Amino acid sequence: MNAKTVKGLPEGKPSFVAQSQRVRHNSIFFDVANAALLLLFTIIIVVPVWNIVISSFATSESLSENDFIFWPKALSLDNYAAVFSDDGLWQSLFISVSRTAVGVIAHTMFCAVFAYPLSKAYLKGRSVYSAMGIITMFFSGGMIPTYLLIKSLGLLDSFWVYIIPGLFSYYDVIILMNFFRQVPNSLIDSARIDGAGELRVFSSIILPLSKPALATIALFHGVAQWNDFMTTKLYINNEALYPLQMRLYEIIVRSQASAQMGTVGSLMVDTTTRGMRLATIIITIAPILILYPFVQRYFVSGTMLGAVKG
């Protein structure tokens, strides 16, 4: 059927069927190109991770033969046994778990307590507090002034240096503040009619209804606490307070030094220390990989609701 013969269609214009076919072809092309691009990115991400995981189970002979291992000739737990034989590993693991758990709870509650009054338009000086918070997002005191502050507070070589400086983040406050605004005022008014004060409203209504946002903040800060080793590098000299990440850093440094100092059998030394480094990396990232799927749904909904709605 020609477009000219269709009643009501302007002469020279393509028919509706032709337009639909062109749109369908464009959609198919986009889907194929999008799938190919995503597959490429997936391969780029998954292959190195797979290499690290499988190489951590490889023997030193397999590591000495190949730089890239898709599947080793022989599997072994020797690398993990060597890592777990480190006397300070379990102490470091305890410090990492403790600082993450305490830091997440303290940071999340501190930001929530700060965000709740800022979510109320009737708060006096609200614009001043908001401006002060925004300034902290773009400016900091710098490394040396921060070190002097930590020293003056007596937090050097203290477990609380992991917790107190990280209590506040205005970025997290913004997410919580925008989320708190979505709580219906009718629920708050009903609670106040029943005699509930601000603390009761906050603990019994606001927090239970804000679990997605709280889980998002907890995930953000938990990952930051678990992966952080610069705080230890700058403020901690006591090895008993070293977290797992600092222990990983020390293992890498010692293994590189051993490989450089070795002359006879240096290849075997290098492959052995490389296997230990890979095993330590897996031990370090495994808890986050295991935990993330359980909080992913809260993470997505909390980020969208807290950042988009206002």
C-alpha atoms as a PDB file:
ATOM      1  CA  MET A   1       0.000   0.000   0.000  1.00  0.00           C
ATOM      2  CA  ASN A   2       1.420   3.361  -0.985  1.00  0.00           C
ATOM      3  CA  ALA A   3       1.285   6.337   1.325  1.00  0.00           C
ATOM      4  CA  LYS A   4      -0.329   8.374  -1.469  1.00  0.00           C
ATOM      5  CA  THR A   5      -3.285   5.987  -1.690  1.00  0.00           C
ATOM      6  CA  VAL A   6      -4.103   6.093   2.040  1.00  0.00           C
ATOM      7  CA  LYS A   7      -6.931   8.461   2.833  1.00  0.00           C
ATOM      8  CA  GLY A   8      -6.049  11.232   5.265  1.00  0.00           C
ATOM      9  CA  LEU A   9      -2.240  10.874   4.945  1.00  0.00           C
ATOM     10  CA  PRO A  10      -0.302  13.773   3.436  1.00  0.00           C
ATOM     11  CA  GLU A  11       1.331  13.035   0.122  1.00  0.00           C
ATOM     12  CA  GLY A  12       4.990  12.042   0.455  1.00  0.00           C
ATOM     13  CA  LYS A  13       4.690  11.004   4.131  1.00  0.00           C
ATOM     14  CA  PRO A  14       5.563   7.389   5.113  1.00  0.00           C
ATOM     15  CA  SER A  15       2.725   5.189   6.269  1.00  0.00           C
ATOM     16  CA  PHE A  16       2.154   4.250   9.899  1.00  0.00           C
ATOM     17  CA  VAL A  17       3.253   0.681   9.138  1.00  0.00           C
ATOM     18  CA  ALA A  18       6.567   1.887   7.693  1.00  0.00           C
ATOM     19  CA  GLN A  19       7.177   4.122  10.699  1.00  0.00           C
ATOM     20  CA  SER A  20       6.438   1.228  13.080  1.00  0.00           C
ATOM     21  CA  GLN A  21       8.847  -1.046  11.229  1.00  0.00           C
ATOM     22  CA  ARG A  22      11.602   1.574  11.342  1.00  0.00           C
ATOM     23  CA  VAL A  23      11.036   2.136  15.073  1.00  0.00           C
ATOM     24  CA  ARG A  24      11.117  -1.609  15.663  1.00  0.00           C
ATOM     25  CA  HIS A  25      14.350  -2.002  13.698  1.00  0.00           C
ATOM     26  CA  ASN A  26      15.934   0.889  15.645  1.00  0.00           C
ATOM     27  CA  SER A  27      14.795  -0.671  18.913  1.00  0.00           C
ATOM     28  CA  ILE A  28      16.294  -4.042  17.974  1.00  0.00           C
ATOM     29  CA  PHE A  29      19.565  -2.384  16.968  1.00  0.00           C
ATOM     30  CA  PHE A  30      19.677  -0.467  20.274  1.00  0.00           C
ATOM     31  CA  ASP A  31      18.960  -3.619  22.297  1.00  0.00           C
ATOM     32  CA  VAL A  32      21.699  -5.583  20.517  1.00  0.00           C
ATOM     33  CA  ALA A  33      24.245  -2.758  20.845  1.00  0.00           C
ATOM     34  CA  ASN A  34      23.312  -2.206  24.496  1.00  0.00           C
ATOM     35  CA  ALA A  35      23.600  -5.922  25.294  1.00  0.00           C
ATOM     36  CA  ALA A  36      26.989  -6.130  23.548  1.00  0.00           C
ATOM     37  CA  LEU A  37      28.300  -3.102  25.419  1.00  0.00           C
ATOM     38  CA  LEU A  38      27.094  -4.418  28.783  1.00  0.00           C
ATOM     39  CA  LEU A  39      28.591  -7.823  28.000  1.00  0.00           C
ATOM     40  CA  LEU A  40      31.921  -6.167  27.224  1.00  0.00           C
ATOM     41  CA  PHE A  41      31.897  -4.231  30.508  1.00  0.00           C
ATOM     42  CA  THR A  42      30.914  -7.398  32.391  1.00  0.00           C
ATOM     43  CA  ILE A  43      33.850  -9.293  30.897  1.00  0.00           C
ATOM     44  CA  ILE A  44      36.233  -6.434  31.723  1.00  0.00           C
ATOM     45  CA  ILE A  45      35.072  -6.511  35.353  1.00  0.00           C
ATOM     46  CA  VAL A  46      34.582 -10.257  35.914  1.00  0.00           C
ATOM     47  CA  VAL A  47      37.729 -11.634  34.266  1.00  0.00           C
ATOM     48  CA  PRO A  48      40.271  -9.828  36.524  1.00  0.00           C
ATOM     49  CA  VAL A  49      38.223 -10.702  39.610  1.00  0.00           C
ATOM     50  CA  TRP A  50      38.068 -14.339  38.517  1.00  0.00           C
ATOM     51  CA  ASN A  51      41.826 -14.330  37.940  1.00  0.00           C
ATOM     52  CA  ILE A  52      42.449 -13.026  41.455  1.00  0.00           C
ATOM     53  CA  VAL A  53      40.074 -15.533  43.054  1.00  0.00           C
ATOM     54  CA  ILE A  54      41.327 -18.609  41.213  1.00  0.00           C
ATOM     55  CA  SER A  55      44.982 -17.564  41.481  1.00  0.00           C
ATOM     56  CA  SER A  56      44.630 -17.364  45.259  1.00  0.00           C
ATOM     57  CA  PHE A  57      43.942 -21.124  45.219  1.00  0.00           C
ATOM     58  CA  ALA A  58      46.817 -21.902  42.850  1.00  0.00           C
ATOM     59  CA  THR A  59      50.069 -23.516  43.880  1.00  0.00           C
ATOM     60  CA  SER A  60      53.350 -21.650  43.649  1.00  0.00           C
ATOM     61  CA  GLU A  61      54.316 -23.769  40.625  1.00  0.00           C
ATOM     62  CA  SER A  62      51.185 -22.658  38.760  1.00  0.00           C
ATOM     63  CA  LEU A  63      51.814 -19.034  39.636  1.00  0.00           C
ATOM     64  CA  SER A  64      55.412 -19.245  38.433  1.00  0.00           C
ATOM     65  CA  GLU A  65      54.325 -20.592  35.038  1.00  0.00           C
ATOM     66  CA  ASN A  66      51.629 -18.050  34.165  1.00  0.00           C
ATOM     67  CA  ASP A  67      50.815 -14.434  34.896  1.00  0.00           C
ATOM     68  CA  PHE A  68      47.168 -14.986  34.025  1.00  0.00           C
ATOM     69  CA  ILE A  69      45.431 -18.112  35.279  1.00  0.00           C
ATOM     70  CA  PHE A  70      41.966 -19.082  34.137  1.00  0.00           C
ATOM     71  CA  TRP A  71      42.107 -22.443  35.908  1.00  0.00           C
ATOM     72  CA  PRO A  72      45.239 -23.750  37.658  1.00  0.00           C
ATOM     73  CA  LYS A  73      46.654 -27.207  37.142  1.00  0.00           C
ATOM     74  CA  ALA A  74      46.320 -27.893  40.851  1.00  0.00           C
ATOM     75  CA  LEU A  75      44.245 -26.268  43.594  1.00  0.00           C
ATOM     76  CA  SER A  76      45.721 -25.631  47.002  1.00  0.00           C
ATOM     77  CA  LEU A  77      44.831 -23.923  50.279  1.00  0.00           C
ATOM     78  CA  ASP A  78      48.476 -23.245  51.142  1.00  0.00           C
ATOM     79  CA  ASN A  79      48.148 -19.511  50.494  1.00  0.00           C
ATOM     80  CA  TYR A  80      45.200 -19.187  52.868  1.00  0.00           C
ATOM     81  CA  ALA A  81      46.931 -21.370  55.460  1.00  0.00           C
ATOM     82  CA  ALA A  82      49.977 -19.089  55.306  1.00  0.00           C
ATOM     83  CA  VAL A  83      47.837 -15.969  55.692  1.00  0.00           C
ATOM     84  CA  PHE A  84      45.838 -17.342  58.609  1.00  0.00           C
ATOM     85  CA  SER A  85      49.041 -18.447  60.316  1.00  0.00           C
ATOM     86  CA  ASP A  86      49.956 -14.773  60.764  1.00  0.00           C
ATOM     87  CA  ASP A  87      49.771 -14.081  64.488  1.00  0.00           C
ATOM     88  CA  GLY A  88      48.245 -10.635  64.042  1.00  0.00           C
ATOM     89  CA  LEU A  89      45.611 -11.566  61.471  1.00  0.00           C
ATOM     90  CA  TRP A  90      42.849 -12.521  63.900  1.00  0.00           C
ATOM     91  CA  GLN A  91      43.488  -9.444  66.017  1.00  0.00           C
ATOM     92  CA  SER A  92      43.314  -7.295  62.880  1.00  0.00           C
ATOM     93  CA  LEU A  93      40.102  -9.005  61.809  1.00  0.00           C
ATOM     94  CA  PHE A  94      38.594  -8.285  65.223  1.00  0.00           C
ATOM     95  CA  ILE A  95      39.592  -4.605  64.954  1.00  0.00           C
ATOM     96  CA  SER A  96      38.103  -4.324  61.454  1.00  0.00           C
ATOM     97  CA  VAL A  97      34.809  -5.924  62.489  1.00  0.00           C
ATOM     98  CA  SER A  98      34.623  -3.848  65.681  1.00  0.00           C
ATOM     99  CA  ARG A  99      35.373  -0.508  64.022  1.00  0.00           C
ATOM    100  CA  THR A 100      32.899  -1.261  61.226  1.00  0.00           C
ATOM    101  CA  ALA A 101      30.086  -2.292  63.569  1.00  0.00           C
ATOM    102  CA  VAL A 102      30.586   0.525  66.074  1.00  0.00           C
ATOM    103  CA  GLY A 103      31.284   3.086  63.358  1.00  0.00           C
ATOM    104  CA  VAL A 104      28.184   2.200  61.342  1.00  0.00           C
ATOM    105  CA  ILE A 105      25.850   2.375  64.340  1.00  0.00           C
ATOM    106  CA  ALA A 106      27.349   5.603  65.693  1.00  0.00           C
ATOM    107  CA  HIS A 107      27.538   7.330  62.299  1.00  0.00           C
ATOM    108  CA  THR A 108      24.017   6.355  61.225  1.00  0.00           C
ATOM    109  CA  MET A 109      22.394   7.454  64.482  1.00  0.00           C
ATOM    110  CA  PHE A 110      24.407  10.683  64.682  1.00  0.00           C
ATOM    111  CA  CYS A 111      23.442  11.677  61.134  1.00  0.00           C
ATOM    112  CA  ALA A 112      19.810  10.713  61.760  1.00  0.00           C
ATOM    113  CA  VAL A 113      19.634  12.834  64.919  1.00  0.00           C
ATOM    114  CA  PHE A 114      21.178  15.740  63.010  1.00  0.00           C
ATOM    115  CA  ALA A 115      18.932  15.292  59.945  1.00  0.00           C
ATOM    116  CA  TYR A 116      15.579  15.065  61.751  1.00  0.00           C
ATOM    117  CA  PRO A 117      15.398  18.673  63.014  1.00  0.00           C
ATOM    118  CA  LEU A 118      16.838  19.962  59.716  1.00  0.00           C
ATOM    119  CA  SER A 119      13.938  18.317  57.898  1.00  0.00           C
ATOM    120  CA  LYS A 120      11.513  20.643  59.738  1.00  0.00           C
ATOM    121  CA  ALA A 121      10.872  24.037  58.142  1.00  0.00           C
ATOM    122  CA  TYR A 122      10.053  25.620  61.516  1.00  0.00           C
ATOM    123  CA  LEU A 123      13.564  25.020  62.939  1.00  0.00           C
ATOM    124  CA  LYS A 124      15.122  28.358  63.861  1.00  0.00           C
ATOM    125  CA  GLY A 125      18.455  28.979  62.140  1.00  0.00           C
ATOM    126  CA  ARG A 126      17.879  26.091  59.755  1.00  0.00           C
ATOM    127  CA  SER A 127      19.458  27.920  56.825  1.00  0.00           C
ATOM    128  CA  VAL A 128      22.574  28.690  58.877  1.00  0.00           C
ATOM    129  CA  TYR A 129      22.999  25.066  59.919  1.00  0.00           C
ATOM    130  CA  SER A 130      22.461  23.905  56.345  1.00  0.00           C
ATOM    131  CA  ALA A 131      25.073  26.363  55.029  1.00  0.00           C
ATOM    132  CA  MET A 132      27.583  25.169  57.634  1.00  0.00           C
ATOM    133  CA  GLY A 133      26.938  21.577  56.599  1.00  0.00           C
ATOM    134  CA  ILE A 134      27.312  22.322  52.893  1.00  0.00           C
ATOM    135  CA  ILE A 135      30.687  23.990  53.524  1.00  0.00           C
ATOM    136  CA  THR A 136      31.987  20.731  55.023  1.00  0.00           C
ATOM    137  CA  MET A 137      31.153  18.954  51.745  1.00  0.00           C
ATOM    138  CA  PHE A 138      33.587  21.105  49.759  1.00  0.00           C
ATOM    139  CA  PHE A 139      36.274  22.197  52.218  1.00  0.00           C
ATOM    140  CA  SER A 140      38.344  20.439  54.852  1.00  0.00           C
ATOM    141  CA  GLY A 141      41.105  21.463  57.219  1.00  0.00           C
ATOM    142  CA  GLY A 142      43.814  19.505  55.415  1.00  0.00           C
ATOM    143  CA  MET A 143      46.029  16.664  56.574  1.00  0.00           C
ATOM    144  CA  ILE A 144      48.353  18.562  58.948  1.00  0.00           C
ATOM    145  CA  PRO A 145      45.675  20.609  60.768  1.00  0.00           C
ATOM    146  CA  THR A 146      43.578  17.460  61.075  1.00  0.00           C
ATOM    147  CA  TYR A 147      46.524  15.575  62.543  1.00  0.00           C
ATOM    148  CA  LEU A 148      47.127  18.352  65.069  1.00  0.00           C
ATOM    149  CA  LEU A 149      43.441  18.295  66.007  1.00  0.00           C
ATOM    150  CA  ILE A 150      43.453  14.518  66.463  1.00  0.00           C
ATOM    151  CA  LYS A 151      46.581  14.820  68.605  1.00  0.00           C
ATOM    152  CA  SER A 152      45.098  17.584  70.754  1.00  0.00           C
ATOM    153  CA  LEU A 153      42.001  15.464  71.351  1.00  0.00           C
ATOM    154  CA  GLY A 154      44.153  12.573  72.558  1.00  0.00           C
ATOM    155  CA  LEU A 155      42.957  10.219  69.825  1.00  0.00           C
ATOM    156  CA  LEU A 156      46.387   9.129  68.577  1.00  0.00           C
ATOM    157  CA  ASP A 157      46.882   5.374  69.073  1.00  0.00           C
ATOM    158  CA  SER A 158      43.275   5.082  70.196  1.00  0.00           C
ATOM    159  CA  PHE A 159      40.467   2.909  68.850  1.00  0.00           C
ATOM    160  CA  TRP A 160      38.160   5.927  68.892  1.00  0.00           C
ATOM    161  CA  VAL A 161      40.150   7.638  66.157  1.00  0.00           C
ATOM    162  CA  TYR A 162      38.307   5.252  63.842  1.00  0.00           C
ATOM    163  CA  ILE A 163      34.898   6.348  65.152  1.00  0.00           C
ATOM    164  CA  ILE A 164      34.749   9.989  66.293  1.00  0.00           C
ATOM    165  CA  PRO A 165      36.198  11.786  63.212  1.00  0.00           C
ATOM    166  CA  GLY A 166      33.799   9.883  60.950  1.00  0.00           C
ATOM    167  CA  LEU A 167      30.615  10.538  62.901  1.00  0.00           C
ATOM    168  CA  PHE A 168      29.337  13.310  60.628  1.00  0.00           C
ATOM    169  CA  SER A 169      28.755  13.439  56.881  1.00  0.00           C
ATOM    170  CA  TYR A 170      26.475  16.124  55.490  1.00  0.00           C
ATOM    171  CA  TYR A 171      26.012  14.115  52.306  1.00  0.00           C
ATOM    172  CA  ASP A 172      24.383  11.364  54.393  1.00  0.00           C
ATOM    173  CA  VAL A 173      22.424  13.992  56.309  1.00  0.00           C
ATOM    174  CA  ILE A 174      20.925  15.259  53.039  1.00  0.00           C
ATOM    175  CA  ILE A 175      19.762  11.755  52.100  1.00  0.00           C
ATOM    176  CA  LEU A 176      18.180  11.217  55.519  1.00  0.00           C
ATOM    177  CA  MET A 177      16.726  14.725  55.654  1.00  0.00           C
ATOM    178  CA  ASN A 178      14.937  14.346  52.322  1.00  0.00           C
ATOM    179  CA  PHE A 179      13.700  10.912  53.317  1.00  0.00           C
ATOM    180  CA  PHE A 180      12.313  12.155  56.646  1.00  0.00           C
ATOM    181  CA  ARG A 181      10.268  14.743  54.765  1.00  0.00           C
ATOM    182  CA  GLN A 182       8.299  11.952  53.086  1.00  0.00           C
ATOM    183  CA  VAL A 183       6.891  10.707  56.398  1.00  0.00           C
ATOM    184  CA  PRO A 184       3.213  11.799  56.486  1.00  0.00           C
ATOM    185  CA  ASN A 185       2.566  14.628  58.916  1.00  0.00           C
ATOM    186  CA  SER A 186      -0.697  12.924  59.910  1.00  0.00           C
ATOM    187  CA  LEU A 187       1.258  10.149  61.654  1.00  0.00           C
ATOM    188  CA  ILE A 188       3.372  12.660  63.565  1.00  0.00           C
ATOM    189  CA  ASP A 189       0.314  14.742  64.526  1.00  0.00           C
ATOM    190  CA  SER A 190      -1.506  11.625  65.743  1.00  0.00           C
ATOM    191  CA  ALA A 191       1.422  10.685  67.938  1.00  0.00           C
ATOM    192  CA  ARG A 192       1.602  14.191  69.382  1.00  0.00           C
ATOM    193  CA  ILE A 193      -2.120  14.105  70.166  1.00  0.00           C
ATOM    194  CA  ASP A 194      -1.468  10.907  72.118  1.00  0.00           C
ATOM    195  CA  GLY A 195       1.172  12.767  74.130  1.00  0.00           C
ATOM    196  CA  ALA A 196       4.363  11.684  72.354  1.00  0.00           C
ATOM    197  CA  GLY A 197       7.282  14.099  72.436  1.00  0.00           C
ATOM    198  CA  GLU A 198       9.874  14.705  69.747  1.00  0.00           C
ATOM    199  CA  LEU A 199      12.143  11.917  71.007  1.00  0.00           C
ATOM    200  CA  ARG A 200       9.278   9.407  71.011  1.00  0.00           C
ATOM    201  CA  VAL A 201       8.148  10.500  67.538  1.00  0.00           C
ATOM    202  CA  PHE A 202      11.696  10.158  66.262  1.00  0.00           C
ATOM    203  CA  SER A 203      12.324   6.713  67.763  1.00  0.00           C
ATOM    204  CA  SER A 204       8.884   5.152  67.254  1.00  0.00           C
ATOM    205  CA  ILE A 205       7.744   6.653  63.931  1.00  0.00           C
ATOM    206  CA  ILE A 206      10.559   8.276  61.972  1.00  0.00           C
ATOM    207  CA  LEU A 207      13.256   5.606  62.389  1.00  0.00           C
ATOM    208  CA  PRO A 208      11.038   2.538  61.717  1.00  0.00           C
ATOM    209  CA  LEU A 209       9.664   4.143  58.547  1.00  0.00           C
ATOM    210  CA  SER A 210      13.138   5.137  57.339  1.00  0.00           C
ATOM    211  CA  LYS A 211      14.794   1.725  57.194  1.00  0.00           C
ATOM    212  CA  PRO A 212      15.728   2.000  53.467  1.00  0.00           C
ATOM    213  CA  ALA A 213      17.516   5.313  54.029  1.00  0.00           C
ATOM    214  CA  LEU A 214      19.203   4.086  57.205  1.00  0.00           C
ATOM    215  CA  ALA A 215      20.358   0.916  55.426  1.00  0.00           C
ATOM    216  CA  THR A 216      21.773   3.044  52.611  1.00  0.00           C
ATOM    217  CA  ILE A 217      23.769   5.198  55.016  1.00  0.00           C
ATOM    218  CA  ALA A 218      24.929   2.121  56.920  1.00  0.00           C
ATOM    219  CA  LEU A 219      26.157   0.510  53.692  1.00  0.00           C
ATOM    220  CA  PHE A 220      27.974   3.669  52.574  1.00  0.00           C
ATOM    221  CA  HIS A 221      29.785   4.100  55.862  1.00  0.00           C
ATOM    222  CA  GLY A 222      30.322   0.383  56.450  1.00  0.00           C
ATOM    223  CA  VAL A 223      32.205  -0.012  53.172  1.00  0.00           C
ATOM    224  CA  ALA A 224      34.233   3.124  53.932  1.00  0.00           C
ATOM    225  CA  GLN A 225      35.148   1.860  57.409  1.00  0.00           C
ATOM    226  CA  TRP A 226      36.012  -1.620  56.202  1.00  0.00           C
ATOM    227  CA  ASN A 227      38.266  -0.429  53.358  1.00  0.00           C
ATOM    228  CA  ASP A 228      39.962   2.439  55.186  1.00  0.00           C
ATOM    229  CA  PHE A 229      43.611   2.083  56.083  1.00  0.00           C
ATOM    230  CA  MET A 230      44.817   5.681  55.754  1.00  0.00           C
ATOM    231  CA  THR A 231      43.464   6.495  59.213  1.00  0.00           C
ATOM    232  CA  THR A 232      45.684   3.758  60.615  1.00  0.00           C
ATOM    233  CA  LYS A 233      48.615   4.910  58.513  1.00  0.00           C
ATOM    234  CA  LEU A 234      48.365   8.472  59.828  1.00  0.00           C
ATOM    235  CA  TYR A 235      47.252   8.113  63.444  1.00  0.00           C
ATOM    236  CA  ILE A 236      48.067   4.589  64.692  1.00  0.00           C
ATOM    237  CA  ASN A 237      51.479   3.227  65.681  1.00  0.00           C
ATOM    238  CA  ASN A 238      50.256   0.425  67.929  1.00  0.00           C
ATOM    239  CA  GLU A 239      50.085  -2.774  65.861  1.00  0.00           C
ATOM    240  CA  ALA A 240      47.427  -4.164  68.195  1.00  0.00           C
ATOM    241  CA  LEU A 241      45.021  -1.587  66.689  1.00  0.00           C
ATOM    242  CA  TYR A 242      45.851  -2.416  63.063  1.00  0.00           C
ATOM    243  CA  PRO A 243      42.755  -3.352  61.017  1.00  0.00           C
ATOM    244  CA  LEU A 244      42.743  -6.050  58.380  1.00  0.00           C
ATOM    245  CA  GLN A 245      43.438  -3.592  55.575  1.00  0.00           C
ATOM    246  CA  MET A 246      46.611  -2.341  57.265  1.00  0.00           C
ATOM    247  CA  ARG A 247      47.681  -5.927  57.771  1.00  0.00           C
ATOM    248  CA  LEU A 248      47.145  -6.469  54.040  1.00  0.00           C
ATOM    249  CA  TYR A 249      49.300  -3.440  53.323  1.00  0.00           C
ATOM    250  CA  GLU A 250      52.074  -4.803  55.534  1.00  0.00           C
ATOM    251  CA  ILE A 251      51.905  -8.234  53.911  1.00  0.00           C
ATOM    252  CA  ILE A 252      52.256  -6.670  50.469  1.00  0.00           C
ATOM    253  CA  VAL A 253      55.203  -4.500  51.569  1.00  0.00           C
ATOM    254  CA  ARG A 254      56.983  -7.407  53.288  1.00  0.00           C
ATOM    255  CA  SER A 255      56.419  -9.737  50.361  1.00  0.00           C
ATOM    256  CA  GLN A 256      57.763  -7.199  47.881  1.00  0.00           C
ATOM    257  CA  ALA A 257      60.818  -6.618  50.065  1.00  0.00           C
ATOM    258  CA  SER A 258      61.418 -10.368  50.347  1.00  0.00           C
ATOM    259  CA  ALA A 259      61.136 -10.803  46.589  1.00  0.00           C
ATOM    260  CA  GLN A 260      63.618  -7.986  45.962  1.00  0.00           C
ATOM    261  CA  MET A 261      66.141  -9.229  48.526  1.00  0.00           C
ATOM    262  CA  GLY A 262      66.001 -12.836  47.350  1.00  0.00           C
ATOM    263  CA  THR A 263      68.623 -13.847  44.808  1.00  0.00           C
ATOM    264  CA  VAL A 264      68.681 -17.656  44.703  1.00  0.00           C
ATOM    265  CA  GLY A 265      65.148 -18.943  44.344  1.00  0.00           C
ATOM    266  CA  SER A 266      63.748 -15.435  44.047  1.00  0.00           C
ATOM    267  CA  LEU A 267      61.112 -16.624  41.552  1.00  0.00           C
ATOM    268  CA  MET A 268      59.752 -19.092  44.074  1.00  0.00           C
ATOM    269  CA  VAL A 269      59.749 -16.396  46.767  1.00  0.00           C
ATOM    270  CA  ASP A 270      57.914 -14.026  44.461  1.00  0.00           C
ATOM    271  CA  THR A 271      55.242 -16.554  43.501  1.00  0.00           C
ATOM    272  CA  THR A 272      54.705 -17.601  47.112  1.00  0.00           C
ATOM    273  CA  THR A 273      54.291 -14.039  48.327  1.00  0.00           C
ATOM    274  CA  ARG A 274      52.059 -13.272  45.350  1.00  0.00           C
ATOM    275  CA  GLY A 275      49.749 -16.127  46.357  1.00  0.00           C
ATOM    276  CA  MET A 276      49.630 -14.789  49.916  1.00  0.00           C
ATOM    277  CA  ARG A 277      48.778 -11.307  48.660  1.00  0.00           C
ATOM    278  CA  LEU A 278      45.942 -12.654  46.518  1.00  0.00           C
ATOM    279  CA  ALA A 279      44.582 -14.757  49.381  1.00  0.00           C
ATOM    280  CA  THR A 280      44.664 -11.728  51.688  1.00  0.00           C
ATOM    281  CA  ILE A 281      42.785  -9.644  49.115  1.00  0.00           C
ATOM    282  CA  ILE A 282      40.037 -12.271  48.909  1.00  0.00           C
ATOM    283  CA  ILE A 283      39.789 -12.495  52.694  1.00  0.00           C
ATOM    284  CA  THR A 284      39.492  -8.707  52.868  1.00  0.00           C
ATOM    285  CA  ILE A 285      36.755  -8.221  50.267  1.00  0.00           C
ATOM    286  CA  ALA A 286      34.747 -11.382  51.014  1.00  0.00           C
ATOM    287  CA  PRO A 287      32.665  -9.932  53.911  1.00  0.00           C
ATOM    288  CA  ILE A 288      31.496  -6.969  51.809  1.00  0.00           C
ATOM    289  CA  LEU A 289      30.641  -9.228  48.859  1.00  0.00           C
ATOM    290  CA  ILE A 290      28.623 -11.489  51.150  1.00  0.00           C
ATOM    291  CA  LEU A 291      26.803  -8.636  52.904  1.00  0.00           C
ATOM    292  CA  TYR A 292      25.980  -6.468  49.893  1.00  0.00           C
ATOM    293  CA  PRO A 293      23.216  -8.666  48.325  1.00  0.00           C
ATOM    294  CA  PHE A 294      21.228  -8.569  51.567  1.00  0.00           C
ATOM    295  CA  VAL A 295      21.101  -4.753  51.694  1.00  0.00           C
ATOM    296  CA  GLN A 296      21.039  -4.007  47.964  1.00  0.00           C
ATOM    297  CA  ARG A 297      17.269  -3.468  47.775  1.00  0.00           C
ATOM    298  CA  TYR A 298      17.398  -0.981  50.652  1.00  0.00           C
ATOM    299  CA  PHE A 299      20.412   0.686  49.051  1.00  0.00           C
ATOM    300  CA  VAL A 300      18.634   1.329  45.725  1.00  0.00           C
ATOM    301  CA  SER A 301      15.332   2.534  47.184  1.00  0.00           C
ATOM    302  CA  GLY A 302      16.997   4.617  49.886  1.00  0.00           C
ATOM    303  CA  THR A 303      19.281   6.394  47.437  1.00  0.00           C
ATOM    304  CA  MET A 304      16.472   7.184  44.979  1.00  0.00           C
ATOM    305  CA  LEU A 305      13.963   8.376  47.562  1.00  0.00           C
ATOM    306  CA  GLY A 306      16.508  10.322  49.579  1.00  0.00           C
ATOM    307  CA  ALA A 307      18.210  12.026  46.651  1.00  0.00           C
ATOM    308  CA  VAL A 308      15.359  12.648  44.172  1.00  0.00           C
ATOM    309  CA  LYS A 309      12.424  13.637  46.309  1.00  0.00           C
ATOM    310  CA  GLY A 310      12.605  16.836  48.248  1.00  0.00           C
END
